PDB file of all heavy atoms in Angstrom:
ATOM      1  N   GLY A   1     -69.955 -11.111 -20.533  1.00  0.00           N
ATOM      2  CA  GLY A   1     -68.864 -10.843 -19.605  1.00  0.00           C
ATOM      3  C   GLY A   1     -68.345 -12.099 -18.929  1.00  0.00           C
ATOM      4  O   GLY A   1     -68.932 -13.188 -18.997  1.00  0.00           O
ATOM      5  N   LEU A   2     -67.233 -11.934 -18.248  1.00  0.00           N
ATOM      6  CA  LEU A   2     -66.585 -13.034 -17.536  1.00  0.00           C
ATOM      7  C   LEU A   2     -67.461 -13.561 -16.401  1.00  0.00           C
ATOM      8  O   LEU A   2     -67.501 -14.769 -16.150  1.00  0.00           O
ATOM      9  CB  LEU A   2     -65.229 -12.554 -16.992  1.00  0.00           C
ATOM     10  CG  LEU A   2     -64.384 -13.590 -16.256  1.00  0.00           C
ATOM     11  CD1 LEU A   2     -64.034 -14.744 -17.174  1.00  0.00           C
ATOM     12  CD2 LEU A   2     -63.146 -12.950 -15.695  1.00  0.00           C
ATOM     13  N   LYS A   3     -68.207 -12.663 -15.735  1.00  0.00           N
ATOM     14  CA  LYS A   3     -69.083 -13.090 -14.641  1.00  0.00           C
ATOM     15  C   LYS A   3     -70.178 -14.030 -15.145  1.00  0.00           C
ATOM     16  O   LYS A   3     -70.574 -14.955 -14.444  1.00  0.00           O
ATOM     17  CB  LYS A   3     -69.715 -11.871 -13.962  1.00  0.00           C
ATOM     18  CG  LYS A   3     -68.726 -11.043 -13.184  1.00  0.00           C
ATOM     19  CD  LYS A   3     -69.426  -9.885 -12.532  1.00  0.00           C
ATOM     20  CE  LYS A   3     -68.430  -9.012 -11.792  1.00  0.00           C
ATOM     21  NZ  LYS A   3     -69.067  -7.875 -11.145  1.00  0.00           N
ATOM     22  N   TYR A   4     -70.643 -13.802 -16.348  1.00  0.00           N
ATOM     23  CA  TYR A   4     -71.667 -14.663 -16.930  1.00  0.00           C
ATOM     24  C   TYR A   4     -71.135 -16.084 -17.087  1.00  0.00           C
ATOM     25  O   TYR A   4     -71.795 -17.058 -16.731  1.00  0.00           O
ATOM     26  CB  TYR A   4     -72.113 -14.092 -18.277  1.00  0.00           C
ATOM     27  CG  TYR A   4     -73.051 -15.002 -19.037  1.00  0.00           C
ATOM     28  CD1 TYR A   4     -74.399 -15.071 -18.695  1.00  0.00           C
ATOM     29  CD2 TYR A   4     -72.591 -15.788 -20.080  1.00  0.00           C
ATOM     30  CE1 TYR A   4     -75.257 -15.904 -19.387  1.00  0.00           C
ATOM     31  CE2 TYR A   4     -73.438 -16.615 -20.776  1.00  0.00           C
ATOM     32  CZ  TYR A   4     -74.771 -16.676 -20.424  1.00  0.00           C
ATOM     33  OH  TYR A   4     -75.615 -17.504 -21.112  1.00  0.00           O
ATOM     34  N   TYR A   5     -69.929 -16.210 -17.644  1.00  0.00           N
ATOM     35  CA  TYR A   5     -69.343 -17.534 -17.857  1.00  0.00           C
ATOM     36  C   TYR A   5     -69.003 -18.230 -16.532  1.00  0.00           C
ATOM     37  O   TYR A   5     -69.165 -19.439 -16.408  1.00  0.00           O
ATOM     38  CB  TYR A   5     -68.097 -17.433 -18.741  1.00  0.00           C
ATOM     39  CG  TYR A   5     -68.430 -17.117 -20.169  1.00  0.00           C
ATOM     40  CD1 TYR A   5     -68.066 -15.906 -20.742  1.00  0.00           C
ATOM     41  CD2 TYR A   5     -69.133 -18.034 -20.948  1.00  0.00           C
ATOM     42  CE1 TYR A   5     -68.368 -15.611 -22.049  1.00  0.00           C
ATOM     43  CE2 TYR A   5     -69.457 -17.748 -22.261  1.00  0.00           C
ATOM     44  CZ  TYR A   5     -69.066 -16.536 -22.802  1.00  0.00           C
ATOM     45  OH  TYR A   5     -69.385 -16.253 -24.101  1.00  0.00           O
ATOM     46  N   ILE A   6     -68.542 -17.495 -15.549  1.00  0.00           N
ATOM     47  CA  ILE A   6     -68.251 -18.072 -14.246  1.00  0.00           C
ATOM     48  C   ILE A   6     -69.546 -18.571 -13.590  1.00  0.00           C
ATOM     49  O   ILE A   6     -69.600 -19.671 -13.044  1.00  0.00           O
ATOM     50  CB  ILE A   6     -67.515 -17.061 -13.341  1.00  0.00           C
ATOM     51  CG1 ILE A   6     -66.111 -16.822 -13.881  1.00  0.00           C
ATOM     52  CG2 ILE A   6     -67.449 -17.566 -11.903  1.00  0.00           C
ATOM     53  CD1 ILE A   6     -65.335 -15.750 -13.146  1.00  0.00           C
ATOM     54  N   GLY A   7     -70.604 -17.774 -13.646  1.00  0.00           N
ATOM     55  CA  GLY A   7     -71.896 -18.180 -13.094  1.00  0.00           C
ATOM     56  C   GLY A   7     -72.455 -19.388 -13.819  1.00  0.00           C
ATOM     57  O   GLY A   7     -72.969 -20.325 -13.196  1.00  0.00           O
ATOM     58  N   LEU A   8     -72.368 -19.387 -15.143  1.00  0.00           N
ATOM     59  CA  LEU A   8     -72.849 -20.519 -15.927  1.00  0.00           C
ATOM     60  C   LEU A   8     -72.055 -21.783 -15.606  1.00  0.00           C
ATOM     61  O   LEU A   8     -72.619 -22.866 -15.461  1.00  0.00           O
ATOM     62  CB  LEU A   8     -72.757 -20.192 -17.421  1.00  0.00           C
ATOM     63  CG  LEU A   8     -73.400 -21.178 -18.381  1.00  0.00           C
ATOM     64  CD1 LEU A   8     -74.896 -21.265 -18.118  1.00  0.00           C
ATOM     65  CD2 LEU A   8     -73.144 -20.746 -19.811  1.00  0.00           C
ATOM     66  N   GLY A   9     -70.744 -21.642 -15.453  1.00  0.00           N
ATOM     67  CA  GLY A   9     -69.895 -22.790 -15.092  1.00  0.00           C
ATOM     68  C   GLY A   9     -70.221 -23.303 -13.705  1.00  0.00           C
ATOM     69  O   GLY A   9     -70.233 -24.515 -13.469  1.00  0.00           O
ATOM     70  N   GLY A  10     -70.489 -22.407 -12.743  1.00  0.00           N
ATOM     71  CA  GLY A  10     -70.851 -22.822 -11.389  1.00  0.00           C
ATOM     72  C   GLY A  10     -72.156 -23.595 -11.365  1.00  0.00           C
ATOM     73  O   GLY A  10     -72.280 -24.611 -10.676  1.00  0.00           O
ATOM     74  N   ILE A  11     -73.150 -23.102 -12.114  1.00  0.00           N
ATOM     75  CA  ILE A  11     -74.445 -23.808 -12.184  1.00  0.00           C
ATOM     76  C   ILE A  11     -74.262 -25.179 -12.824  1.00  0.00           C
ATOM     77  O   ILE A  11     -74.810 -26.177 -12.362  1.00  0.00           O
ATOM     78  CB  ILE A  11     -75.478 -22.949 -12.950  1.00  0.00           C
ATOM     79  CG1 ILE A  11     -75.828 -21.709 -12.122  1.00  0.00           C
ATOM     80  CG2 ILE A  11     -76.724 -23.757 -13.271  1.00  0.00           C
ATOM     81  CD1 ILE A  11     -76.663 -20.707 -12.863  1.00  0.00           C
ATOM     82  N   TRP A  12     -73.466 -25.240 -13.885  1.00  0.00           N
ATOM     83  CA  TRP A  12     -73.219 -26.509 -14.551  1.00  0.00           C
ATOM     84  C   TRP A  12     -72.540 -27.502 -13.597  1.00  0.00           C
ATOM     85  O   TRP A  12     -72.903 -28.673 -13.536  1.00  0.00           O
ATOM     86  CB  TRP A  12     -72.356 -26.298 -15.792  1.00  0.00           C
ATOM     87  CG  TRP A  12     -72.025 -27.584 -16.481  1.00  0.00           C
ATOM     88  CD1 TRP A  12     -72.828 -28.329 -17.287  1.00  0.00           C
ATOM     89  CD2 TRP A  12     -70.796 -28.302 -16.377  1.00  0.00           C
ATOM     90  NE1 TRP A  12     -72.185 -29.457 -17.707  1.00  0.00           N
ATOM     91  CE2 TRP A  12     -70.920 -29.454 -17.163  1.00  0.00           C
ATOM     92  CE3 TRP A  12     -69.606 -28.075 -15.716  1.00  0.00           C
ATOM     93  CZ2 TRP A  12     -69.898 -30.377 -17.290  1.00  0.00           C
ATOM     94  CZ3 TRP A  12     -68.592 -29.000 -15.859  1.00  0.00           C
ATOM     95  CH2 TRP A  12     -68.747 -30.132 -16.639  1.00  0.00           C
ATOM     96  N   MET A  13     -71.554 -27.037 -12.823  1.00  0.00           N
ATOM     97  CA  MET A  13     -70.855 -27.914 -11.880  1.00  0.00           C
ATOM     98  C   MET A  13     -71.793 -28.404 -10.786  1.00  0.00           C
ATOM     99  O   MET A  13     -71.732 -29.561 -10.371  1.00  0.00           O
ATOM    100  CB  MET A  13     -69.652 -27.189 -11.269  1.00  0.00           C
ATOM    101  CG  MET A  13     -68.496 -27.045 -12.235  1.00  0.00           C
ATOM    102  SD  MET A  13     -67.112 -26.142 -11.553  1.00  0.00           S
ATOM    103  CE  MET A  13     -66.703 -27.105 -10.142  1.00  0.00           C
ATOM    104  N   LEU A  14     -72.683 -27.538 -10.308  1.00  0.00           N
ATOM    105  CA  LEU A  14     -73.633 -27.915  -9.265  1.00  0.00           C
ATOM    106  C   LEU A  14     -74.546 -29.035  -9.736  1.00  0.00           C
ATOM    107  O   LEU A  14     -74.721 -30.045  -9.062  1.00  0.00           O
ATOM    108  CB  LEU A  14     -74.458 -26.699  -8.836  1.00  0.00           C
ATOM    109  CG  LEU A  14     -75.550 -26.955  -7.797  1.00  0.00           C
ATOM    110  CD1 LEU A  14     -74.912 -27.265  -6.459  1.00  0.00           C
ATOM    111  CD2 LEU A  14     -76.470 -25.770  -7.696  1.00  0.00           C
ATOM    112  N   PHE A  15     -75.117 -28.885 -10.914  1.00  0.00           N
ATOM    113  CA  PHE A  15     -76.030 -29.904 -11.424  1.00  0.00           C
ATOM    114  C   PHE A  15     -75.300 -31.161 -11.866  1.00  0.00           C
ATOM    115  O   PHE A  15     -75.820 -32.262 -11.728  1.00  0.00           O
ATOM    116  CB  PHE A  15     -76.886 -29.345 -12.559  1.00  0.00           C
ATOM    117  CG  PHE A  15     -77.964 -28.428 -12.066  1.00  0.00           C
ATOM    118  CD1 PHE A  15     -77.926 -27.074 -12.350  1.00  0.00           C
ATOM    119  CD2 PHE A  15     -79.005 -28.912 -11.300  1.00  0.00           C
ATOM    120  CE1 PHE A  15     -78.908 -26.224 -11.891  1.00  0.00           C
ATOM    121  CE2 PHE A  15     -79.989 -28.070 -10.833  1.00  0.00           C
ATOM    122  CZ  PHE A  15     -79.946 -26.725 -11.127  1.00  0.00           C
ATOM    123  N   SER A  16     -74.093 -31.039 -12.389  1.00  0.00           N
ATOM    124  CA  SER A  16     -73.362 -32.236 -12.818  1.00  0.00           C
ATOM    125  C   SER A  16     -72.931 -33.057 -11.606  1.00  0.00           C
ATOM    126  O   SER A  16     -72.921 -34.278 -11.649  1.00  0.00           O
ATOM    127  CB  SER A  16     -72.152 -31.867 -13.670  1.00  0.00           C
ATOM    128  OG  SER A  16     -71.192 -31.171 -12.893  1.00  0.00           O
ATOM    129  N   GLN A  17     -72.584 -32.425 -10.477  1.00  0.00           N
ATOM    130  CA  GLN A  17     -72.218 -33.157  -9.272  1.00  0.00           C
ATOM    131  C   GLN A  17     -73.432 -33.902  -8.699  1.00  0.00           C
ATOM    132  O   GLN A  17     -73.317 -35.027  -8.254  1.00  0.00           O
ATOM    133  CB  GLN A  17     -71.648 -32.198  -8.214  1.00  0.00           C
ATOM    134  CG  GLN A  17     -70.311 -31.619  -8.574  1.00  0.00           C
ATOM    135  CD  GLN A  17     -69.213 -32.664  -8.597  1.00  0.00           C
ATOM    136  OE1 GLN A  17     -69.288 -33.647  -7.891  1.00  0.00           O
ATOM    137  NE2 GLN A  17     -68.216 -32.454  -9.431  1.00  0.00           N
ATOM    138  N   THR A  18     -74.590 -33.268  -8.713  1.00  0.00           N
ATOM    139  CA  THR A  18     -75.804 -33.909  -8.208  1.00  0.00           C
ATOM    140  C   THR A  18     -76.163 -35.110  -9.064  1.00  0.00           C
ATOM    141  O   THR A  18     -76.488 -36.178  -8.555  1.00  0.00           O
ATOM    142  CB  THR A  18     -76.970 -32.900  -8.195  1.00  0.00           C
ATOM    143  OG1 THR A  18     -76.575 -31.761  -7.453  1.00  0.00           O
ATOM    144  CG2 THR A  18     -78.205 -33.510  -7.589  1.00  0.00           C
ATOM    145  N   THR A  19     -76.098 -34.980 -10.354  1.00  0.00           N
ATOM    146  CA  THR A  19     -76.400 -36.081 -11.258  1.00  0.00           C
ATOM    147  C   THR A  19     -75.362 -37.180 -11.115  1.00  0.00           C
ATOM    148  O   THR A  19     -75.699 -38.354 -11.093  1.00  0.00           O
ATOM    149  CB  THR A  19     -76.436 -35.574 -12.712  1.00  0.00           C
ATOM    150  OG1 THR A  19     -77.338 -34.491 -12.787  1.00  0.00           O
ATOM    151  CG2 THR A  19     -76.854 -36.664 -13.656  1.00  0.00           C
ATOM    152  N   LEU A  20     -74.099 -36.808 -10.978  1.00  0.00           N
ATOM    153  CA  LEU A  20     -73.043 -37.786 -10.850  1.00  0.00           C
ATOM    154  C   LEU A  20     -73.206 -38.597  -9.567  1.00  0.00           C
ATOM    155  O   LEU A  20     -73.034 -39.802  -9.561  1.00  0.00           O
ATOM    156  CB  LEU A  20     -71.680 -37.089 -10.863  1.00  0.00           C
ATOM    157  CG  LEU A  20     -70.447 -37.983 -10.749  1.00  0.00           C
ATOM    158  CD1 LEU A  20     -70.369 -38.898 -11.952  1.00  0.00           C
ATOM    159  CD2 LEU A  20     -69.204 -37.138 -10.626  1.00  0.00           C
ATOM    160  N   ALA A  21     -73.571 -37.942  -8.467  1.00  0.00           N
ATOM    161  CA  ALA A  21     -73.756 -38.649  -7.204  1.00  0.00           C
ATOM    162  C   ALA A  21     -74.914 -39.634  -7.297  1.00  0.00           C
ATOM    163  O   ALA A  21     -74.852 -40.727  -6.754  1.00  0.00           O
ATOM    164  CB  ALA A  21     -73.999 -37.657  -6.068  1.00  0.00           C
ATOM    165  N   ALA A  22     -75.980 -39.257  -7.975  1.00  0.00           N
ATOM    166  CA  ALA A  22     -77.136 -40.154  -8.100  1.00  0.00           C
ATOM    167  C   ALA A  22     -76.818 -41.336  -9.005  1.00  0.00           C
ATOM    168  O   ALA A  22     -77.278 -42.433  -8.772  1.00  0.00           O
ATOM    169  CB  ALA A  22     -78.337 -39.374  -8.633  1.00  0.00           C
ATOM    170  N   GLU A  23     -76.031 -41.114 -10.063  1.00  0.00           N
ATOM    171  CA  GLU A  23     -75.725 -42.185 -10.994  1.00  0.00           C
ATOM    172  C   GLU A  23     -74.582 -43.067 -10.521  1.00  0.00           C
ATOM    173  O   GLU A  23     -74.435 -44.181 -10.981  1.00  0.00           O
ATOM    174  CB  GLU A  23     -75.370 -41.599 -12.360  1.00  0.00           C
ATOM    175  CG  GLU A  23     -76.541 -40.939 -13.054  1.00  0.00           C
ATOM    176  CD  GLU A  23     -76.135 -40.264 -14.349  1.00  0.00           C
ATOM    177  OE1 GLU A  23     -74.934 -40.271 -14.671  1.00  0.00           O
ATOM    178  OE2 GLU A  23     -77.011 -39.738 -15.034  1.00  0.00           O
ATOM    179  N   SER A  24     -73.753 -42.591  -9.602  1.00  0.00           N
ATOM    180  CA  SER A  24     -72.579 -43.358  -9.213  1.00  0.00           C
ATOM    181  C   SER A  24     -72.888 -44.443  -8.186  1.00  0.00           C
ATOM    182  O   SER A  24     -72.015 -45.207  -7.845  1.00  0.00           O
ATOM    183  CB  SER A  24     -71.498 -42.428  -8.675  1.00  0.00           C
ATOM    184  OG  SER A  24     -71.931 -41.837  -7.469  1.00  0.00           O
ATOM    185  N   CYS A  25     -74.103 -44.533  -7.696  1.00  0.00           N
ATOM    186  CA  CYS A  25     -74.448 -45.572  -6.735  1.00  0.00           C
ATOM    187  C   CYS A  25     -74.867 -46.824  -7.502  1.00  0.00           C
ATOM    188  O   CYS A  25     -76.041 -47.084  -7.716  1.00  0.00           O
ATOM    189  CB  CYS A  25     -75.561 -45.108  -5.798  1.00  0.00           C
ATOM    190  SG  CYS A  25     -75.881 -46.297  -4.486  1.00  0.00           S
ATOM    191  N   GLN A  26     -73.866 -47.574  -7.922  1.00  0.00           N
ATOM    192  CA  GLN A  26     -74.098 -48.810  -8.645  1.00  0.00           C
ATOM    193  C   GLN A  26     -73.344 -49.913  -7.937  1.00  0.00           C
ATOM    194  O   GLN A  26     -72.323 -49.670  -7.305  1.00  0.00           O
ATOM    195  CB  GLN A  26     -73.609 -48.700 -10.079  1.00  0.00           C
ATOM    196  CG  GLN A  26     -74.302 -47.627 -10.874  1.00  0.00           C
ATOM    197  CD  GLN A  26     -73.675 -47.466 -12.241  1.00  0.00           C
ATOM    198  OE1 GLN A  26     -72.761 -48.178 -12.602  1.00  0.00           O
ATOM    199  NE2 GLN A  26     -74.177 -46.513 -12.993  1.00  0.00           N
ATOM    200  N   GLY A  27     -73.826 -51.104  -8.020  1.00  0.00           N
ATOM    201  CA  GLY A  27     -73.143 -52.224  -7.397  1.00  0.00           C
ATOM    202  C   GLY A  27     -73.883 -53.514  -7.656  1.00  0.00           C
ATOM    203  O   GLY A  27     -74.829 -53.557  -8.439  1.00  0.00           O
ATOM    204  N   ARG A  28     -73.416 -54.548  -6.995  1.00  0.00           N
ATOM    205  CA  ARG A  28     -74.069 -55.846  -7.124  1.00  0.00           C
ATOM    206  C   ARG A  28     -73.936 -56.572  -5.801  1.00  0.00           C
ATOM    207  O   ARG A  28     -73.075 -56.272  -4.991  1.00  0.00           O
ATOM    208  CB  ARG A  28     -73.472 -56.667  -8.256  1.00  0.00           C
ATOM    209  CG  ARG A  28     -72.017 -57.000  -8.077  1.00  0.00           C
ATOM    210  CD  ARG A  28     -71.482 -57.788  -9.269  1.00  0.00           C
ATOM    211  NE  ARG A  28     -70.092 -58.099  -9.101  1.00  0.00           N
ATOM    212  CZ  ARG A  28     -69.624 -59.142  -8.439  1.00  0.00           C
ATOM    213  NH1 ARG A  28     -70.462 -59.994  -7.892  1.00  0.00           N
ATOM    214  NH2 ARG A  28     -68.330 -59.352  -8.321  1.00  0.00           N
ATOM    215  N   PHE A  29     -74.796 -57.550  -5.591  1.00  0.00           N
ATOM    216  CA  PHE A  29     -74.766 -58.339  -4.373  1.00  0.00           C
ATOM    217  C   PHE A  29     -73.551 -59.264  -4.381  1.00  0.00           C
ATOM    218  O   PHE A  29     -73.072 -59.673  -5.436  1.00  0.00           O
ATOM    219  CB  PHE A  29     -76.047 -59.169  -4.228  1.00  0.00           C
ATOM    220  CG  PHE A  29     -77.226 -58.350  -3.817  1.00  0.00           C
ATOM    221  CD1 PHE A  29     -78.152 -57.935  -4.756  1.00  0.00           C
ATOM    222  CD2 PHE A  29     -77.407 -57.985  -2.490  1.00  0.00           C
ATOM    223  CE1 PHE A  29     -79.240 -57.170  -4.388  1.00  0.00           C
ATOM    224  CE2 PHE A  29     -78.494 -57.227  -2.116  1.00  0.00           C
ATOM    225  CZ  PHE A  29     -79.411 -56.814  -3.062  1.00  0.00           C
ATOM    226  N   ILE A  30     -73.081 -59.606  -3.210  1.00  0.00           N
ATOM    227  CA  ILE A  30     -71.940 -60.499  -3.071  1.00  0.00           C
ATOM    228  C   ILE A  30     -72.349 -61.925  -3.436  1.00  0.00           C
ATOM    229  O   ILE A  30     -73.370 -62.419  -2.975  1.00  0.00           O
ATOM    230  CB  ILE A  30     -71.414 -60.472  -1.618  1.00  0.00           C
ATOM    231  CG1 ILE A  30     -70.923 -59.091  -1.259  1.00  0.00           C
ATOM    232  CG2 ILE A  30     -70.334 -61.502  -1.390  1.00  0.00           C
ATOM    233  CD1 ILE A  30     -69.749 -58.633  -2.067  1.00  0.00           C
ATOM    234  N   ASN A  31     -71.550 -62.569  -4.279  1.00  0.00           N
ATOM    235  CA  ASN A  31     -71.747 -63.967  -4.613  1.00  0.00           C
ATOM    236  C   ASN A  31     -70.867 -64.782  -3.667  1.00  0.00           C
ATOM    237  O   ASN A  31     -69.644 -64.715  -3.752  1.00  0.00           O
ATOM    238  CB  ASN A  31     -71.357 -64.230  -6.069  1.00  0.00           C
ATOM    239  CG  ASN A  31     -71.607 -65.656  -6.482  1.00  0.00           C
ATOM    240  OD1 ASN A  31     -71.844 -66.532  -5.654  1.00  0.00           O
ATOM    241  ND2 ASN A  31     -71.558 -65.893  -7.777  1.00  0.00           N
ATOM    242  N   PRO A  32     -71.449 -65.538  -2.737  1.00  0.00           N
ATOM    243  CA  PRO A  32     -70.627 -66.247  -1.755  1.00  0.00           C
ATOM    244  C   PRO A  32     -69.761 -67.350  -2.354  1.00  0.00           C
ATOM    245  O   PRO A  32     -68.810 -67.795  -1.724  1.00  0.00           O
ATOM    246  CB  PRO A  32     -71.638 -66.829  -0.778  1.00  0.00           C
ATOM    247  CG  PRO A  32     -72.915 -66.851  -1.508  1.00  0.00           C
ATOM    248  CD  PRO A  32     -72.870 -65.743  -2.513  1.00  0.00           C
ATOM    249  N   ILE A  33     -70.044 -67.774  -3.569  1.00  0.00           N
ATOM    250  CA  ILE A  33     -69.239 -68.828  -4.192  1.00  0.00           C
ATOM    251  C   ILE A  33     -67.979 -68.246  -4.817  1.00  0.00           C
ATOM    252  O   ILE A  33     -66.874 -68.760  -4.612  1.00  0.00           O
ATOM    253  CB  ILE A  33     -70.065 -69.583  -5.272  1.00  0.00           C
ATOM    254  CG1 ILE A  33     -71.364 -70.132  -4.684  1.00  0.00           C
ATOM    255  CG2 ILE A  33     -69.237 -70.676  -5.927  1.00  0.00           C
ATOM    256  CD1 ILE A  33     -71.178 -71.135  -3.569  1.00  0.00           C
ATOM    257  N   THR A  34     -68.104 -67.165  -5.559  1.00  0.00           N
ATOM    258  CA  THR A  34     -66.962 -66.642  -6.314  1.00  0.00           C
ATOM    259  C   THR A  34     -66.304 -65.417  -5.682  1.00  0.00           C
ATOM    260  O   THR A  34     -65.152 -65.134  -5.974  1.00  0.00           O
ATOM    261  CB  THR A  34     -67.401 -66.269  -7.742  1.00  0.00           C
ATOM    262  OG1 THR A  34     -68.434 -65.279  -7.677  1.00  0.00           O
ATOM    263  CG2 THR A  34     -67.898 -67.477  -8.498  1.00  0.00           C
ATOM    264  N   ASP A  35     -66.998 -64.656  -4.843  1.00  0.00           N
ATOM    265  CA  ASP A  35     -66.454 -63.406  -4.319  1.00  0.00           C
ATOM    266  C   ASP A  35     -65.751 -63.543  -2.972  1.00  0.00           C
ATOM    267  O   ASP A  35     -65.138 -62.590  -2.507  1.00  0.00           O
ATOM    268  CB  ASP A  35     -67.560 -62.355  -4.190  1.00  0.00           C
ATOM    269  CG  ASP A  35     -68.095 -61.932  -5.546  1.00  0.00           C
ATOM    270  OD1 ASP A  35     -67.404 -62.169  -6.549  1.00  0.00           O
ATOM    271  OD2 ASP A  35     -69.205 -61.374  -5.595  1.00  0.00           O
ATOM    272  N   VAL A  36     -65.839 -64.696  -2.324  1.00  0.00           N
ATOM    273  CA  VAL A  36     -65.178 -64.913  -1.040  1.00  0.00           C
ATOM    274  C   VAL A  36     -63.903 -65.709  -1.280  1.00  0.00           C
ATOM    275  O   VAL A  36     -63.908 -66.683  -2.023  1.00  0.00           O
ATOM    276  CB  VAL A  36     -66.112 -65.671  -0.065  1.00  0.00           C
ATOM    277  CG1 VAL A  36     -65.390 -66.013   1.229  1.00  0.00           C
ATOM    278  CG2 VAL A  36     -67.348 -64.851   0.222  1.00  0.00           C
ATOM    279  N   CYS A  37     -62.818 -65.299  -0.662  1.00  0.00           N
ATOM    280  CA  CYS A  37     -61.539 -66.010  -0.778  1.00  0.00           C
ATOM    281  C   CYS A  37     -61.565 -67.224   0.158  1.00  0.00           C
ATOM    282  O   CYS A  37     -61.163 -67.134   1.313  1.00  0.00           O
ATOM    283  CB  CYS A  37     -60.382 -65.068  -0.425  1.00  0.00           C
ATOM    284  SG  CYS A  37     -58.774 -65.863  -0.489  1.00  0.00           S
ATOM    285  N   TRP A  38     -62.046 -68.334  -0.363  1.00  0.00           N
ATOM    286  CA  TRP A  38     -62.173 -69.527   0.470  1.00  0.00           C
ATOM    287  C   TRP A  38     -60.819 -70.133   0.786  1.00  0.00           C
ATOM    288  O   TRP A  38     -60.650 -70.799   1.815  1.00  0.00           O
ATOM    289  CB  TRP A  38     -63.093 -70.548  -0.191  1.00  0.00           C
ATOM    290  CG  TRP A  38     -64.495 -70.059  -0.233  1.00  0.00           C
ATOM    291  CD1 TRP A  38     -65.176 -69.628  -1.335  1.00  0.00           C
ATOM    292  CD2 TRP A  38     -65.389 -69.895   0.873  1.00  0.00           C
ATOM    293  NE1 TRP A  38     -66.437 -69.220  -0.984  1.00  0.00           N
ATOM    294  CE2 TRP A  38     -66.598 -69.365   0.370  1.00  0.00           C
ATOM    295  CE3 TRP A  38     -65.291 -70.132   2.233  1.00  0.00           C
ATOM    296  CZ2 TRP A  38     -67.685 -69.083   1.171  1.00  0.00           C
ATOM    297  CZ3 TRP A  38     -66.374 -69.849   3.042  1.00  0.00           C
ATOM    298  CH2 TRP A  38     -67.554 -69.334   2.506  1.00  0.00           C
ATOM    299  N   SER A  39     -59.810 -69.931  -0.056  1.00  0.00           N
ATOM    300  CA  SER A  39     -58.478 -70.456   0.253  1.00  0.00           C
ATOM    301  C   SER A  39     -57.827 -69.674   1.389  1.00  0.00           C
ATOM    302  O   SER A  39     -56.858 -70.145   1.985  1.00  0.00           O
ATOM    303  CB  SER A  39     -57.592 -70.412  -0.985  1.00  0.00           C
ATOM    304  OG  SER A  39     -57.335 -69.071  -1.361  1.00  0.00           O
ATOM    305  N   CYS A  40     -58.371 -68.503   1.711  1.00  0.00           N
ATOM    306  CA  CYS A  40     -57.839 -67.703   2.816  1.00  0.00           C
ATOM    307  C   CYS A  40     -58.254 -68.259   4.174  1.00  0.00           C
ATOM    308  O   CYS A  40     -57.795 -67.765   5.201  1.00  0.00           O
ATOM    309  CB  CYS A  40     -58.294 -66.254   2.683  1.00  0.00           C
ATOM    310  SG  CYS A  40     -57.678 -65.447   1.193  1.00  0.00           S
ATOM    311  N   LEU A  41     -59.137 -69.252   4.225  1.00  0.00           N
ATOM    312  CA  LEU A  41     -59.507 -69.894   5.480  1.00  0.00           C
ATOM    313  C   LEU A  41     -58.361 -70.723   6.045  1.00  0.00           C
ATOM    314  O   LEU A  41     -58.309 -71.005   7.235  1.00  0.00           O
ATOM    315  CB  LEU A  41     -60.714 -70.812   5.288  1.00  0.00           C
ATOM    316  CG  LEU A  41     -62.046 -70.155   5.012  1.00  0.00           C
ATOM    317  CD1 LEU A  41     -63.066 -71.206   4.617  1.00  0.00           C
ATOM    318  CD2 LEU A  41     -62.529 -69.406   6.219  1.00  0.00           C
ATOM    319  N   PHE A  42     -57.471 -71.157   5.165  1.00  0.00           N
ATOM    320  CA  PHE A  42     -56.386 -72.042   5.574  1.00  0.00           C
ATOM    321  C   PHE A  42     -55.265 -71.256   6.205  1.00  0.00           C
ATOM    322  O   PHE A  42     -55.039 -70.117   5.852  1.00  0.00           O
ATOM    323  CB  PHE A  42     -55.878 -72.839   4.372  1.00  0.00           C
ATOM    324  CG  PHE A  42     -56.950 -73.697   3.774  1.00  0.00           C
ATOM    325  CD1 PHE A  42     -57.495 -73.386   2.550  1.00  0.00           C
ATOM    326  CD2 PHE A  42     -57.417 -74.805   4.452  1.00  0.00           C
ATOM    327  CE1 PHE A  42     -58.488 -74.170   1.997  1.00  0.00           C
ATOM    328  CE2 PHE A  42     -58.417 -75.601   3.909  1.00  0.00           C
ATOM    329  CZ  PHE A  42     -58.949 -75.279   2.681  1.00  0.00           C
ATOM    330  N   PRO A  43     -54.555 -71.810   7.147  1.00  0.00           N
ATOM    331  CA  PRO A  43     -54.528 -73.191   7.574  1.00  0.00           C
ATOM    332  C   PRO A  43     -55.641 -73.513   8.558  1.00  0.00           C
ATOM    333  O   PRO A  43     -56.058 -72.673   9.332  1.00  0.00           O
ATOM    334  CB  PRO A  43     -53.171 -73.326   8.259  1.00  0.00           C
ATOM    335  CG  PRO A  43     -52.904 -71.962   8.784  1.00  0.00           C
ATOM    336  CD  PRO A  43     -53.528 -71.016   7.808  1.00  0.00           C
ATOM    337  N   ILE A  44     -56.105 -74.757   8.507  1.00  0.00           N
ATOM    338  CA  ILE A  44     -57.066 -75.262   9.480  1.00  0.00           C
ATOM    339  C   ILE A  44     -56.299 -76.196  10.414  1.00  0.00           C
ATOM    340  O   ILE A  44     -55.528 -77.041   9.962  1.00  0.00           O
ATOM    341  CB  ILE A  44     -58.225 -76.003   8.786  1.00  0.00           C
ATOM    342  CG1 ILE A  44     -59.019 -75.028   7.923  1.00  0.00           C
ATOM    343  CG2 ILE A  44     -59.129 -76.669   9.807  1.00  0.00           C
ATOM    344  CD1 ILE A  44     -60.129 -75.661   7.127  1.00  0.00           C
ATOM    345  N   SER A  45     -56.511 -76.019  11.701  1.00  0.00           N
ATOM    346  CA  SER A  45     -55.792 -76.848  12.669  1.00  0.00           C
ATOM    347  C   SER A  45     -56.745 -77.308  13.768  1.00  0.00           C
ATOM    348  O   SER A  45     -57.709 -76.637  14.095  1.00  0.00           O
ATOM    349  CB  SER A  45     -54.622 -76.072  13.280  1.00  0.00           C
ATOM    350  OG  SER A  45     -55.098 -74.907  13.916  1.00  0.00           O
TER     351      SER A  45
END
C-alpha cells in the first residue's frame, strides 16, 4: 500500500539526514600564508 511506501521513505529520509550531517563536517585548518588576504592590510599610514 501507499502507507508502506510513505513510511519507508520517511525512515530512509531520517537515516540519510543523520548520516549526511555526520559526513558533512569536513574542513581544514587555516594556512596563514595562503589563506589570509595580506594585500588587504593596505594602505599602511
